[in-house]
Amino acid sequence: MGTPRDSPLGKATVYADRYDPALLYAIERAPQRAQIGLGATLPFAGGDAWTVWEAQWLDATGLPQAAVVRFEVPATSPAIIESKSAKLYFTALDDTRFDGGDDYRATIVRDLSAATGADVRVELIAPDDARRLARAAPAGLDLDAVPLAARHAAPDAAQLAVGDAHAAETLVTQRFRSVCPVTGQPDYATIAIAYRGAAIDHAALHAYLVAFRRHPGFHEHCVERIFADVTSACAPDALAVSARFTRRGGIDISPWRRRGDAPLLALPTLVQ
C-alpha cells in the first residue's frame, strides 16, 4: 500500500496494453480515518460502490467484448483503490484474452480483493442492459433551496446544530463539491443524509456541506467525515450518509455509510 502522493494521480501516464494487476494502487484507509477520530472499530456499516462504464476484453478468439462493471469494496477493507489506477487497470484488460465473461469477472474479483484486502463483489452488466441504467431522482428535502446560515472556509462539526423537536427525514444536496487531495481538481456529487433523532438545523447543515468546496478528500473519506461530524454534533439514533459522485474517466464511485435503519440514496438501477 502507498500514499496518495505516490499514486498515478496528476502524473503523465502511458496506458498499458496488457493485463497487469500491479497497476491497481491501494491506499490505506487508517491514516485518513485517524484524522476524524475513527479507529479499528467502525461506527458504521458501508461500502464503496463503483461503476466502470467503459470495460472491454477479448474472448478466446480475439473478438472484443464489452460490459459495464459494477463492484463494491466493503468499508471494512484496509485499503481503497486510487481511481486513476483503476482506470489504468481496466484499460489494460481491453486487449487481454479471457475464456469468457466468467473468467474476466473472476480475474477482477481476485485482483480487487487482493489490492483492498477484502472480498469484493463484482457484477457484469451487458451492453443492452447498461444502456437502460438510470439514476433514480433523489428523494428527500432539497437542501439546495435552503438559504445559507453562514459561509465557512472549511467543514467543522461545530457548525452543525439540532433543535428540540424529533425528526426522521432525508436531506439532499445535488451541489456538493470537494477537491482531490493530490491534484486539487474538483469532484462533484449528490449527497443524501438520512437520520432519525433530534431535528438537524437545515440551514446549518447546508452551510456545513458547502464548506467542503475546497476540502481535500477522497470520495470515501468525505462521506466518512460527514458521518463522523453529524454523529458527534447531532447524536442521531440512526444515520445514513450516501453519495453519488459524478463520472470521471469512465468511472464513478458511490460510497455509503450507515448505522441503524436509515435509508440510503438509490444507486443506478435497470429501468424496465
C-alpha atoms as a PDB file:
ATOM      1  CA  MET A   1       0.000   0.000   0.000  1.00  0.00           C
ATOM      2  CA  GLY A   2       1.159   3.538  -0.696  1.00  0.00           C
ATOM      3  CA  THR A   3       0.349   7.173  -0.048  1.00  0.00           C
ATOM      4  CA  PRO A   4      -1.799   9.468  -2.202  1.00  0.00           C
ATOM      5  CA  ARG A   5       1.289  11.432  -3.289  1.00  0.00           C
ATOM      6  CA  ASP A   6       2.889   8.284  -4.709  1.00  0.00           C
ATOM      7  CA  SER A   7      -0.213   7.332  -6.726  1.00  0.00           C
ATOM      8  CA  PRO A   8      -0.605   7.821 -10.520  1.00  0.00           C
ATOM      9  CA  LEU A   9      -2.826  10.876  -9.921  1.00  0.00           C
ATOM     10  CA  GLY A  10      -1.607  14.060 -11.568  1.00  0.00           C
ATOM     11  CA  LYS A  11       1.231  12.349 -13.407  1.00  0.00           C
ATOM     12  CA  ALA A  12       1.816  11.734 -17.096  1.00  0.00           C
ATOM     13  CA  THR A  13       0.809   8.157 -17.832  1.00  0.00           C
ATOM     14  CA  VAL A  14       1.470   5.605 -20.546  1.00  0.00           C
ATOM     15  CA  TYR A  15      -1.519   3.281 -20.773  1.00  0.00           C
ATOM     16  CA  ALA A  16      -0.557  -0.383 -20.541  1.00  0.00           C
ATOM     17  CA  ASP A  17      -1.744  -2.674 -23.330  1.00  0.00           C
ATOM     18  CA  ARG A  18      -1.691  -5.921 -21.380  1.00  0.00           C
ATOM     19  CA  TYR A  19      -3.098  -7.275 -18.171  1.00  0.00           C
ATOM     20  CA  ASP A  20      -1.169  -6.227 -15.054  1.00  0.00           C
ATOM     21  CA  PRO A  21      -2.748  -6.460 -11.572  1.00  0.00           C
ATOM     22  CA  ALA A  22       0.137  -4.369 -10.199  1.00  0.00           C
ATOM     23  CA  LEU A  23      -1.483  -1.349 -11.866  1.00  0.00           C
ATOM     24  CA  LEU A  24      -4.023  -1.230  -9.025  1.00  0.00           C
ATOM     25  CA  TYR A  25      -2.751   1.258  -6.433  1.00  0.00           C
ATOM     26  CA  ALA A  26      -4.017   0.717  -2.896  1.00  0.00           C
ATOM     27  CA  ILE A  27      -4.181   3.489  -0.275  1.00  0.00           C
ATOM     28  CA  GLU A  28      -4.648   2.680   3.409  1.00  0.00           C
ATOM     29  CA  ARG A  29      -7.853   3.901   4.997  1.00  0.00           C
ATOM     30  CA  ALA A  30      -6.431   4.116   8.537  1.00  0.00           C
ATOM     31  CA  PRO A  31      -4.441   7.392   8.296  1.00  0.00           C
ATOM     32  CA  GLN A  32      -7.393   9.376   6.941  1.00  0.00           C
ATOM     33  CA  ARG A  33      -9.750   7.777   9.452  1.00  0.00           C
ATOM     34  CA  ALA A  34      -7.421   8.679  12.301  1.00  0.00           C
ATOM     35  CA  GLN A  35      -7.794  12.336  11.313  1.00  0.00           C
ATOM     36  CA  ILE A  36     -11.514  12.188  12.143  1.00  0.00           C
ATOM     37  CA  GLY A  37     -11.214  10.036  15.241  1.00  0.00           C
ATOM     38  CA  LEU A  38     -12.087   6.663  13.709  1.00  0.00           C
ATOM     39  CA  GLY A  39     -10.185   3.598  14.875  1.00  0.00           C
ATOM     40  CA  ALA A  40     -10.289  -0.104  14.173  1.00  0.00           C
ATOM     41  CA  THR A  41     -13.860  -0.491  15.462  1.00  0.00           C
ATOM     42  CA  LEU A  42     -16.047   1.326  12.942  1.00  0.00           C
ATOM     43  CA  PRO A  43     -19.287   3.055  13.998  1.00  0.00           C
ATOM     44  CA  PHE A  44     -20.979   2.181  10.702  1.00  0.00           C
ATOM     45  CA  ALA A  45     -21.550  -0.452   8.061  1.00  0.00           C
ATOM     46  CA  GLY A  46     -20.911   0.526   4.481  1.00  0.00           C
ATOM     47  CA  GLY A  47     -19.300   0.112   1.120  1.00  0.00           C
ATOM     48  CA  ASP A  48     -17.892   1.940  -1.875  1.00  0.00           C
ATOM     49  CA  ALA A  49     -19.950   1.106  -4.978  1.00  0.00           C
ATOM     50  CA  TRP A  50     -18.024   1.597  -8.229  1.00  0.00           C
ATOM     51  CA  THR A  51     -19.365   1.674 -11.780  1.00  0.00           C
ATOM     52  CA  VAL A  52     -16.860   1.203 -14.600  1.00  0.00           C
ATOM     53  CA  TRP A  53     -18.788   2.293 -17.690  1.00  0.00           C
ATOM     54  CA  GLU A  54     -16.095   1.530 -20.288  1.00  0.00           C
ATOM     55  CA  ALA A  55     -14.929  -2.058 -19.758  1.00  0.00           C
ATOM     56  CA  GLN A  56     -13.772  -4.330 -22.578  1.00  0.00           C
ATOM     57  CA  TRP A  57     -11.803  -7.545 -23.082  1.00  0.00           C
ATOM     58  CA  LEU A  58     -11.165 -10.126 -25.809  1.00  0.00           C
ATOM     59  CA  ASP A  59     -12.740 -13.562 -25.949  1.00  0.00           C
ATOM     60  CA  ALA A  60     -10.680 -16.672 -26.704  1.00  0.00           C
ATOM     61  CA  THR A  61     -10.864 -15.943 -30.461  1.00  0.00           C
ATOM     62  CA  GLY A  62      -9.788 -12.303 -30.092  1.00  0.00           C
ATOM     63  CA  LEU A  63     -13.273 -10.844 -30.556  1.00  0.00           C
ATOM     64  CA  PRO A  64     -13.844  -7.706 -28.415  1.00  0.00           C
ATOM     65  CA  GLN A  65     -16.422  -7.978 -25.627  1.00  0.00           C
ATOM     66  CA  ALA A  66     -17.914  -5.153 -23.565  1.00  0.00           C
ATOM     67  CA  ALA A  67     -19.818  -4.655 -20.330  1.00  0.00           C
ATOM     68  CA  VAL A  68     -20.429  -2.208 -17.535  1.00  0.00           C
ATOM     69  CA  VAL A  69     -18.639  -3.459 -14.429  1.00  0.00           C
ATOM     70  CA  ARG A  70     -20.104  -2.716 -11.031  1.00  0.00           C
ATOM     71  CA  PHE A  71     -18.272  -3.674  -7.858  1.00  0.00           C
ATOM     72  CA  GLU A  72     -18.375  -2.804  -4.189  1.00  0.00           C
ATOM     73  CA  VAL A  73     -15.446  -2.508  -1.798  1.00  0.00           C
ATOM     74  CA  PRO A  74     -16.593  -3.061   1.804  1.00  0.00           C
ATOM     75  CA  ALA A  75     -15.927  -0.238   4.244  1.00  0.00           C
ATOM     76  CA  THR A  76     -14.111  -2.756   6.440  1.00  0.00           C
ATOM     77  CA  SER A  77     -11.359  -3.196   3.844  1.00  0.00           C
ATOM     78  CA  PRO A  78      -7.915  -1.993   4.961  1.00  0.00           C
ATOM     79  CA  ALA A  79      -7.441  -0.073   1.711  1.00  0.00           C
ATOM     80  CA  ILE A  80      -9.208   1.789  -1.057  1.00  0.00           C
ATOM     81  CA  ILE A  81      -8.268   1.755  -4.740  1.00  0.00           C
ATOM     82  CA  GLU A  82      -6.992   5.012  -6.190  1.00  0.00           C
ATOM     83  CA  SER A  83      -9.348   5.814  -9.076  1.00  0.00           C
ATOM     84  CA  LYS A  84      -6.807   6.604 -11.797  1.00  0.00           C
ATOM     85  CA  SER A  85      -5.035   3.321 -11.119  1.00  0.00           C
ATOM     86  CA  ALA A  86      -8.380   1.555 -11.551  1.00  0.00           C
ATOM     87  CA  LYS A  87      -8.764   3.244 -14.935  1.00  0.00           C
ATOM     88  CA  LEU A  88      -5.269   2.075 -15.938  1.00  0.00           C
ATOM     89  CA  TYR A  89      -6.029  -1.460 -14.756  1.00  0.00           C
ATOM     90  CA  PHE A  90      -9.311  -1.776 -16.654  1.00  0.00           C
ATOM     91  CA  THR A  91      -7.851  -0.201 -19.804  1.00  0.00           C
ATOM     92  CA  ALA A  92      -5.053  -2.776 -19.747  1.00  0.00           C
ATOM     93  CA  LEU A  93      -7.695  -5.510 -19.868  1.00  0.00           C
ATOM     94  CA  ASP A  94      -9.066  -4.206 -23.195  1.00  0.00           C
ATOM     95  CA  ASP A  95      -6.706  -6.329 -25.299  1.00  0.00           C
ATOM     96  CA  THR A  96      -6.379  -9.278 -22.927  1.00  0.00           C
ATOM     97  CA  ARG A  97      -7.929 -12.620 -23.888  1.00  0.00           C
ATOM     98  CA  PHE A  98     -10.216 -14.471 -21.488  1.00  0.00           C
ATOM     99  CA  ASP A  99     -12.068 -17.751 -21.848  1.00  0.00           C
ATOM    100  CA  GLY A 100     -15.354 -15.906 -21.274  1.00  0.00           C
ATOM    101  CA  GLY A 101     -17.145 -13.347 -19.147  1.00  0.00           C
ATOM    102  CA  ASP A 102     -16.913 -15.573 -16.077  1.00  0.00           C
ATOM    103  CA  ASP A 103     -13.131 -15.753 -16.445  1.00  0.00           C
ATOM    104  CA  TYR A 104     -12.911 -11.963 -16.880  1.00  0.00           C
ATOM    105  CA  ARG A 105     -15.092 -11.383 -13.810  1.00  0.00           C
ATOM    106  CA  ALA A 106     -13.152 -13.888 -11.688  1.00  0.00           C
ATOM    107  CA  THR A 107      -9.905 -12.124 -12.567  1.00  0.00           C
ATOM    108  CA  ILE A 108     -11.305  -8.763 -11.471  1.00  0.00           C
ATOM    109  CA  VAL A 109     -12.657 -10.252  -8.229  1.00  0.00           C
ATOM    110  CA  ARG A 110      -9.269 -11.766  -7.416  1.00  0.00           C
ATOM    111  CA  ASP A 111      -7.265  -8.608  -8.197  1.00  0.00           C
ATOM    112  CA  LEU A 112      -9.548  -6.107  -6.472  1.00  0.00           C
ATOM    113  CA  SER A 113      -9.853  -8.320  -3.404  1.00  0.00           C
ATOM    114  CA  ALA A 114      -6.075  -8.695  -3.191  1.00  0.00           C
ATOM    115  CA  ALA A 115      -5.482  -4.952  -3.569  1.00  0.00           C
ATOM    116  CA  THR A 116      -8.079  -3.877  -0.983  1.00  0.00           C
ATOM    117  CA  GLY A 117      -7.560  -6.750   1.456  1.00  0.00           C
ATOM    118  CA  ALA A 118     -11.251  -7.691   1.469  1.00  0.00           C
ATOM    119  CA  ASP A 119     -13.781  -9.692  -0.534  1.00  0.00           C
ATOM    120  CA  VAL A 120     -15.029  -7.502  -3.395  1.00  0.00           C
ATOM    121  CA  ARG A 121     -18.338  -8.284  -5.122  1.00  0.00           C
ATOM    122  CA  VAL A 122     -18.316  -7.805  -8.913  1.00  0.00           C
ATOM    123  CA  GLU A 123     -21.227  -7.716 -11.386  1.00  0.00           C
ATOM    124  CA  LEU A 124     -21.058  -7.557 -15.192  1.00  0.00           C
ATOM    125  CA  ILE A 125     -23.908  -5.798 -16.995  1.00  0.00           C
ATOM    126  CA  ALA A 126     -24.402  -6.494 -20.696  1.00  0.00           C
ATOM    127  CA  PRO A 127     -24.341  -3.513 -23.089  1.00  0.00           C
ATOM    128  CA  ASP A 128     -28.033  -3.882 -23.964  1.00  0.00           C
ATOM    129  CA  ASP A 129     -28.939  -3.650 -20.268  1.00  0.00           C
ATOM    130  CA  ALA A 130     -26.327  -0.992 -19.490  1.00  0.00           C
ATOM    131  CA  ARG A 131     -27.997   1.414 -21.900  1.00  0.00           C
ATOM    132  CA  ARG A 132     -31.038   1.263 -19.644  1.00  0.00           C
ATOM    133  CA  LEU A 133     -29.177   2.129 -16.456  1.00  0.00           C
ATOM    134  CA  ALA A 134     -30.706   5.178 -14.829  1.00  0.00           C
ATOM    135  CA  ARG A 135     -30.288   7.030 -11.587  1.00  0.00           C
ATOM    136  CA  ALA A 136     -33.439   7.495  -9.563  1.00  0.00           C
ATOM    137  CA  ALA A 137     -34.192  11.093  -8.605  1.00  0.00           C
ATOM    138  CA  PRO A 138     -33.054  11.652  -5.012  1.00  0.00           C
ATOM    139  CA  ALA A 139     -35.954  11.578  -2.562  1.00  0.00           C
ATOM    140  CA  GLY A 140     -35.786  13.990   0.339  1.00  0.00           C
ATOM    141  CA  LEU A 141     -35.792  17.614   1.379  1.00  0.00           C
ATOM    142  CA  ASP A 142     -33.799  19.787  -1.041  1.00  0.00           C
ATOM    143  CA  LEU A 143     -31.060  21.465   0.985  1.00  0.00           C
ATOM    144  CA  ASP A 144     -30.011  23.483  -2.052  1.00  0.00           C
ATOM    145  CA  ALA A 145     -33.198  25.542  -1.672  1.00  0.00           C
ATOM    146  CA  VAL A 146     -32.381  26.382   1.949  1.00  0.00           C
ATOM    147  CA  PRO A 147     -30.651  29.769   2.479  1.00  0.00           C
ATOM    148  CA  LEU A 148     -27.118  29.528   3.839  1.00  0.00           C
ATOM    149  CA  ALA A 149     -26.792  30.257   7.531  1.00  0.00           C
ATOM    150  CA  ALA A 150     -23.140  31.244   7.058  1.00  0.00           C
ATOM    151  CA  ARG A 151     -20.119  30.771   4.803  1.00  0.00           C
ATOM    152  CA  HIS A 152     -17.308  28.681   6.277  1.00  0.00           C
ATOM    153  CA  ALA A 153     -13.775  28.228   4.969  1.00  0.00           C
ATOM    154  CA  ALA A 154     -13.723  24.534   5.895  1.00  0.00           C
ATOM    155  CA  PRO A 155     -16.155  21.965   7.347  1.00  0.00           C
ATOM    156  CA  ASP A 156     -16.285  21.562  11.128  1.00  0.00           C
ATOM    157  CA  ALA A 157     -18.689  19.553  13.291  1.00  0.00           C
ATOM    158  CA  ALA A 158     -19.156  22.655  15.460  1.00  0.00           C
ATOM    159  CA  GLN A 159     -21.024  24.263  12.545  1.00  0.00           C
ATOM    160  CA  LEU A 160     -23.893  21.764  12.951  1.00  0.00           C
ATOM    161  CA  ALA A 161     -26.839  22.227  15.308  1.00  0.00           C
ATOM    162  CA  VAL A 162     -30.020  20.454  16.411  1.00  0.00           C
ATOM    163  CA  GLY A 163     -33.329  21.637  17.846  1.00  0.00           C
ATOM    164  CA  ASP A 164     -35.721  20.294  20.458  1.00  0.00           C
ATOM    165  CA  ALA A 165     -38.048  18.512  18.008  1.00  0.00           C
ATOM    166  CA  HIS A 166     -37.633  14.924  16.848  1.00  0.00           C
ATOM    167  CA  ALA A 167     -37.378  14.127  13.131  1.00  0.00           C
ATOM    168  CA  ALA A 168     -36.985  11.249  10.704  1.00  0.00           C
ATOM    169  CA  GLU A 169     -36.024  12.700   7.339  1.00  0.00           C
ATOM    170  CA  THR A 170     -33.656  12.623   4.382  1.00  0.00           C
ATOM    171  CA  LEU A 171     -31.789  15.780   3.417  1.00  0.00           C
ATOM    172  CA  VAL A 172     -30.276  16.032  -0.072  1.00  0.00           C
ATOM    173  CA  THR A 173     -27.864  18.315  -1.873  1.00  0.00           C
ATOM    174  CA  GLN A 174     -27.070  17.904  -5.567  1.00  0.00           C
ATOM    175  CA  ARG A 175     -24.392  20.618  -5.484  1.00  0.00           C
ATOM    176  CA  PHE A 176     -21.745  19.035  -3.275  1.00  0.00           C
ATOM    177  CA  ARG A 177     -18.149  19.758  -4.220  1.00  0.00           C
ATOM    178  CA  SER A 178     -14.820  18.709  -2.752  1.00  0.00           C
ATOM    179  CA  VAL A 179     -11.348  18.595  -4.278  1.00  0.00           C
ATOM    180  CA  CYS A 180      -8.905  15.779  -4.981  1.00  0.00           C
ATOM    181  CA  PRO A 181      -6.252  15.746  -2.224  1.00  0.00           C
ATOM    182  CA  VAL A 182      -3.499  15.169  -4.807  1.00  0.00           C
ATOM    183  CA  THR A 183      -4.414  17.176  -7.914  1.00  0.00           C
ATOM    184  CA  GLY A 184      -6.761  19.781  -6.414  1.00  0.00           C
ATOM    185  CA  GLN A 185      -9.295  19.106  -9.181  1.00  0.00           C
ATOM    186  CA  PRO A 186     -12.954  19.430  -8.155  1.00  0.00           C
ATOM    187  CA  ASP A 187     -15.201  16.430  -7.552  1.00  0.00           C
ATOM    188  CA  TYR A 188     -18.995  16.810  -7.679  1.00  0.00           C
ATOM    189  CA  ALA A 189     -21.665  14.693  -6.021  1.00  0.00           C
ATOM    190  CA  THR A 190     -25.204  14.274  -4.824  1.00  0.00           C
ATOM    191  CA  ILE A 191     -25.175  13.678  -1.068  1.00  0.00           C
ATOM    192  CA  ALA A 192     -28.076  12.292   0.972  1.00  0.00           C
ATOM    193  CA  ILE A 193     -28.132  12.387   4.773  1.00  0.00           C
ATOM    194  CA  ALA A 194     -30.942  10.319   6.275  1.00  0.00           C
ATOM    195  CA  TYR A 195     -31.386  10.228  10.036  1.00  0.00           C
ATOM    196  CA  ARG A 196     -33.751   9.692  12.943  1.00  0.00           C
ATOM    197  CA  GLY A 197     -33.308  11.756  16.095  1.00  0.00           C
ATOM    198  CA  ALA A 198     -33.118  15.364  17.239  1.00  0.00           C
ATOM    199  CA  ALA A 199     -34.031  17.590  14.281  1.00  0.00           C
ATOM    200  CA  ILE A 200     -30.917  18.842  12.479  1.00  0.00           C
ATOM    201  CA  ASP A 201     -30.885  22.542  11.630  1.00  0.00           C
ATOM    202  CA  HIS A 202     -31.234  22.575   7.831  1.00  0.00           C
ATOM    203  CA  ALA A 203     -29.508  25.887   7.228  1.00  0.00           C
ATOM    204  CA  ALA A 204     -26.565  24.942   9.413  1.00  0.00           C
ATOM    205  CA  LEU A 205     -26.215  21.574   7.650  1.00  0.00           C
ATOM    206  CA  HIS A 206     -26.376  23.272   4.244  1.00  0.00           C
ATOM    207  CA  ALA A 207     -23.595  25.689   5.245  1.00  0.00           C
ATOM    208  CA  TYR A 208     -21.504  22.806   6.607  1.00  0.00           C
ATOM    209  CA  LEU A 209     -21.772  20.875   3.317  1.00  0.00           C
ATOM    210  CA  VAL A 210     -20.962  23.971   1.231  1.00  0.00           C
ATOM    211  CA  ALA A 211     -17.784  24.329   3.315  1.00  0.00           C
ATOM    212  CA  PHE A 212     -16.436  21.188   1.599  1.00  0.00           C
ATOM    213  CA  ARG A 213     -15.964  23.108  -1.652  1.00  0.00           C
ATOM    214  CA  ARG A 214     -12.215  23.484  -1.077  1.00  0.00           C
ATOM    215  CA  HIS A 215     -11.817  20.496   1.250  1.00  0.00           C
ATOM    216  CA  PRO A 216      -9.202  17.957   0.034  1.00  0.00           C
ATOM    217  CA  GLY A 217     -10.506  14.437   0.421  1.00  0.00           C
ATOM    218  CA  PHE A 218     -11.119  11.229  -1.477  1.00  0.00           C
ATOM    219  CA  HIS A 219     -14.787  10.391  -2.063  1.00  0.00           C
ATOM    220  CA  GLU A 220     -14.794   7.688   0.611  1.00  0.00           C
ATOM    221  CA  HIS A 221     -13.182   9.950   3.195  1.00  0.00           C
ATOM    222  CA  CYS A 222     -15.597  12.835   2.571  1.00  0.00           C
ATOM    223  CA  VAL A 223     -18.569  10.567   3.262  1.00  0.00           C
ATOM    224  CA  GLU A 224     -16.947   9.246   6.437  1.00  0.00           C
ATOM    225  CA  ARG A 225     -16.100  12.790   7.555  1.00  0.00           C
ATOM    226  CA  ILE A 226     -19.745  13.826   7.166  1.00  0.00           C
ATOM    227  CA  PHE A 227     -20.904  10.715   9.023  1.00  0.00           C
ATOM    228  CA  ALA A 228     -18.454  11.321  11.901  1.00  0.00           C
ATOM    229  CA  ASP A 229     -19.298  15.025  12.206  1.00  0.00           C
ATOM    230  CA  VAL A 230     -23.079  14.523  12.147  1.00  0.00           C
ATOM    231  CA  THR A 231     -22.720  11.729  14.696  1.00  0.00           C
ATOM    232  CA  SER A 232     -20.637  13.797  17.108  1.00  0.00           C
ATOM    233  CA  ALA A 233     -22.634  17.024  16.760  1.00  0.00           C
ATOM    234  CA  CYS A 234     -26.179  15.684  16.415  1.00  0.00           C
ATOM    235  CA  ALA A 235     -26.124  12.202  18.040  1.00  0.00           C
ATOM    236  CA  PRO A 236     -28.885  10.729  15.835  1.00  0.00           C
ATOM    237  CA  ASP A 237     -30.483   7.407  16.754  1.00  0.00           C
ATOM    238  CA  ALA A 238     -29.952   6.206  13.160  1.00  0.00           C
ATOM    239  CA  LEU A 239     -27.872   7.736  10.374  1.00  0.00           C
ATOM    240  CA  ALA A 240     -27.001   7.055   6.746  1.00  0.00           C
ATOM    241  CA  VAL A 241     -24.717   9.174   4.571  1.00  0.00           C
ATOM    242  CA  SER A 242     -24.555   8.202   0.917  1.00  0.00           C
ATOM    243  CA  ALA A 243     -23.068   9.880  -2.133  1.00  0.00           C
ATOM    244  CA  ARG A 244     -23.198   9.604  -5.909  1.00  0.00           C
ATOM    245  CA  PHE A 245     -20.092  11.246  -7.327  1.00  0.00           C
ATOM    246  CA  THR A 246     -20.148  12.162 -11.000  1.00  0.00           C
ATOM    247  CA  ARG A 247     -18.260  10.081 -13.544  1.00  0.00           C
ATOM    248  CA  ARG A 248     -14.596  10.781 -14.184  1.00  0.00           C
ATOM    249  CA  GLY A 249     -12.507   8.837 -16.697  1.00  0.00           C
ATOM    250  CA  GLY A 250     -15.421   6.491 -17.325  1.00  0.00           C
ATOM    251  CA  ILE A 251     -15.728   5.567 -13.633  1.00  0.00           C
ATOM    252  CA  ASP A 252     -17.954   6.780 -10.831  1.00  0.00           C
ATOM    253  CA  ILE A 253     -17.862   5.949  -7.114  1.00  0.00           C
ATOM    254  CA  SER A 254     -20.823   5.935  -4.710  1.00  0.00           C
ATOM    255  CA  PRO A 255     -19.725   5.470  -1.090  1.00  0.00           C
ATOM    256  CA  TRP A 256     -22.290   4.837   1.660  1.00  0.00           C
ATOM    257  CA  ARG A 257     -22.070   4.533   5.437  1.00  0.00           C
ATOM    258  CA  ARG A 258     -24.973   3.607   7.736  1.00  0.00           C
ATOM    259  CA  ARG A 259     -25.835   2.925  11.347  1.00  0.00           C
ATOM    260  CA  GLY A 260     -29.326   1.673  12.108  1.00  0.00           C
ATOM    261  CA  ASP A 261     -32.184   1.583   9.614  1.00  0.00           C
ATOM    262  CA  ALA A 262     -31.812   4.990   7.953  1.00  0.00           C
ATOM    263  CA  PRO A 263     -32.465   4.778   4.177  1.00  0.00           C
ATOM    264  CA  LEU A 264     -29.730   5.105   1.559  1.00  0.00           C
ATOM    265  CA  LEU A 265     -29.528   7.100  -1.665  1.00  0.00           C
ATOM    266  CA  ALA A 266     -30.568   4.827  -4.532  1.00  0.00           C
ATOM    267  CA  LEU A 267     -27.809   3.558  -6.822  1.00  0.00           C
ATOM    268  CA  PRO A 268     -28.311   3.269 -10.583  1.00  0.00           C
ATOM    269  CA  THR A 269     -30.895   0.599 -11.371  1.00  0.00           C
ATOM    270  CA  LEU A 270     -32.118  -1.038 -14.537  1.00  0.00           C
ATOM    271  CA  VAL A 271     -35.169   0.683 -15.976  1.00  0.00           C
ATOM    272  CA  GLN A 272     -37.655  -1.992 -17.038  1.00  0.00           C
END
